[in-house]
Amino acid sequence: YDYGTTVTLTATAEEGYHFVQWSDENTENPRIFLLVEDITITAEFEFFEGISETTSEMVVLKLLYNGIIYIIRDGKIYDLTGRRVR
């Protein structure tokens, strides 16, 4: 890319993984920035530990204070993508 160019980077996860962040801890995806210096950015992924199916009848959907719906199962909290958040 030439200096002064607007760059768009998109991290695409392989099956079974999800995007976490870029190596500089930025979490925007896609990421758009103006190139003004030499930079190396690496996408970081992690294995997807979400719920694919459940035989438990103890699954709760809950709207929490930040307006996001979470899935609560067996004392563990997942976001709607199935990623464990707590």
Protein backbone atom coordinates (compact mmCIF):
# COMPACT_ATOMS: atom_id res chain seq x y z
CA TYR A 1 0.00 0.00 0.00
CA ASP A 2 1.15 3.56 -0.64
CA TYR A 3 1.48 6.06 2.20
CA GLY A 4 -1.71 8.11 2.59
CA THR A 5 -3.86 5.23 1.33
CA THR A 6 -6.98 4.18 3.22
CA VAL A 7 -6.58 0.48 4.01
CA THR A 8 -9.33 -1.99 4.85
CA LEU A 9 -8.32 -5.23 6.57
CA THR A 10 -10.82 -8.03 7.11
CA ALA A 11 -10.01 -11.04 9.30
CA THR A 12 -11.82 -14.18 8.15
CA ALA A 13 -11.82 -17.09 10.57
CA GLU A 14 -11.48 -20.69 9.47
CA GLU A 15 -14.28 -23.05 10.49
CA GLY A 16 -14.27 -23.66 14.23
CA TYR A 17 -12.54 -20.36 15.05
CA HIS A 18 -13.61 -16.76 15.61
CA PHE A 19 -11.82 -13.43 15.36
CA VAL A 20 -10.70 -11.99 18.73
CA GLN A 21 -8.60 -8.92 17.95
CA TRP A 22 -5.69 -7.52 15.98
CA SER A 23 -2.16 -7.75 17.39
CA ASP A 24 -2.42 -4.13 18.66
CA GLU A 25 -5.60 -5.08 20.62
CA ASN A 26 -7.98 -3.27 18.25
CA THR A 27 -11.19 -5.31 17.86
CA GLU A 28 -12.73 -3.66 14.79
CA ASN A 29 -13.36 -6.09 11.95
CA PRO A 30 -13.21 -5.04 9.23
CA ARG A 31 -10.62 -2.47 10.22
CA ILE A 32 -10.19 0.72 8.21
CA PHE A 33 -7.25 3.07 8.73
CA LEU A 34 -5.10 5.63 6.95
CA LEU A 35 -1.60 4.30 6.25
CA VAL A 36 0.89 6.88 7.54
CA GLU A 37 3.78 4.63 8.68
CA ASP A 38 5.17 1.14 8.29
CA ILE A 39 3.02 -1.21 10.33
CA THR A 40 2.58 -4.94 10.82
CA ILE A 41 -0.82 -6.11 12.03
CA THR A 42 -1.76 -9.72 12.71
CA ALA A 43 -5.27 -11.06 13.24
CA GLU A 44 -5.73 -13.17 16.36
CA PHE A 45 -8.27 -16.00 16.44
CA GLU A 46 -9.34 -18.50 19.04
CA PHE A 47 -11.06 -21.84 18.90
CA PHE A 48 -14.83 -21.47 19.03
CA GLU A 49 -16.07 -23.02 22.28
CA GLY A 50 -19.70 -22.18 21.73
CA ILE A 51 -22.80 -24.21 22.33
CA SER A 52 -23.58 -26.30 19.27
CA GLU A 53 -26.47 -28.15 20.88
CA THR A 54 -27.74 -28.87 24.34
CA THR A 55 -29.64 -31.65 26.02
CA SER A 56 -29.96 -29.57 29.19
CA GLU A 57 -33.31 -28.00 29.91
CA MET A 58 -31.59 -25.42 32.10
CA VAL A 59 -30.80 -22.82 29.42
CA VAL A 60 -31.71 -19.22 30.16
CA LEU A 61 -31.70 -16.23 27.81
CA LYS A 62 -31.12 -13.02 29.72
CA LEU A 63 -31.01 -9.36 28.72
CA LEU A 64 -28.27 -7.80 30.82
CA TYR A 65 -27.61 -4.16 31.74
CA ASN A 66 -25.70 -3.38 28.55
CA GLY A 67 -28.63 -4.36 26.32
CA ILE A 68 -27.01 -7.57 25.10
CA ILE A 69 -28.75 -10.93 25.31
CA TYR A 70 -26.69 -13.72 26.85
CA ILE A 71 -27.24 -17.47 27.14
CA ILE A 72 -26.73 -18.90 30.61
CA ARG A 73 -26.21 -22.65 30.85
CA ASP A 74 -24.79 -24.67 33.73
CA GLY A 75 -23.48 -21.49 35.38
CA LYS A 76 -21.54 -20.43 32.27
CA ILE A 77 -22.41 -17.33 30.22
CA TYR A 78 -22.26 -17.26 26.39
CA ASP A 79 -22.96 -14.49 23.91
CA LEU A 80 -25.36 -15.11 21.02
CA THR A 81 -22.51 -16.29 18.80
CA GLY A 82 -21.96 -19.09 21.33
CA ARG A 83 -18.64 -17.71 22.58
CA ARG A 84 -18.15 -18.19 26.32
CA VAL A 85 -17.81 -14.80 27.98
CA ARG A 86 -17.76 -15.90 31.62
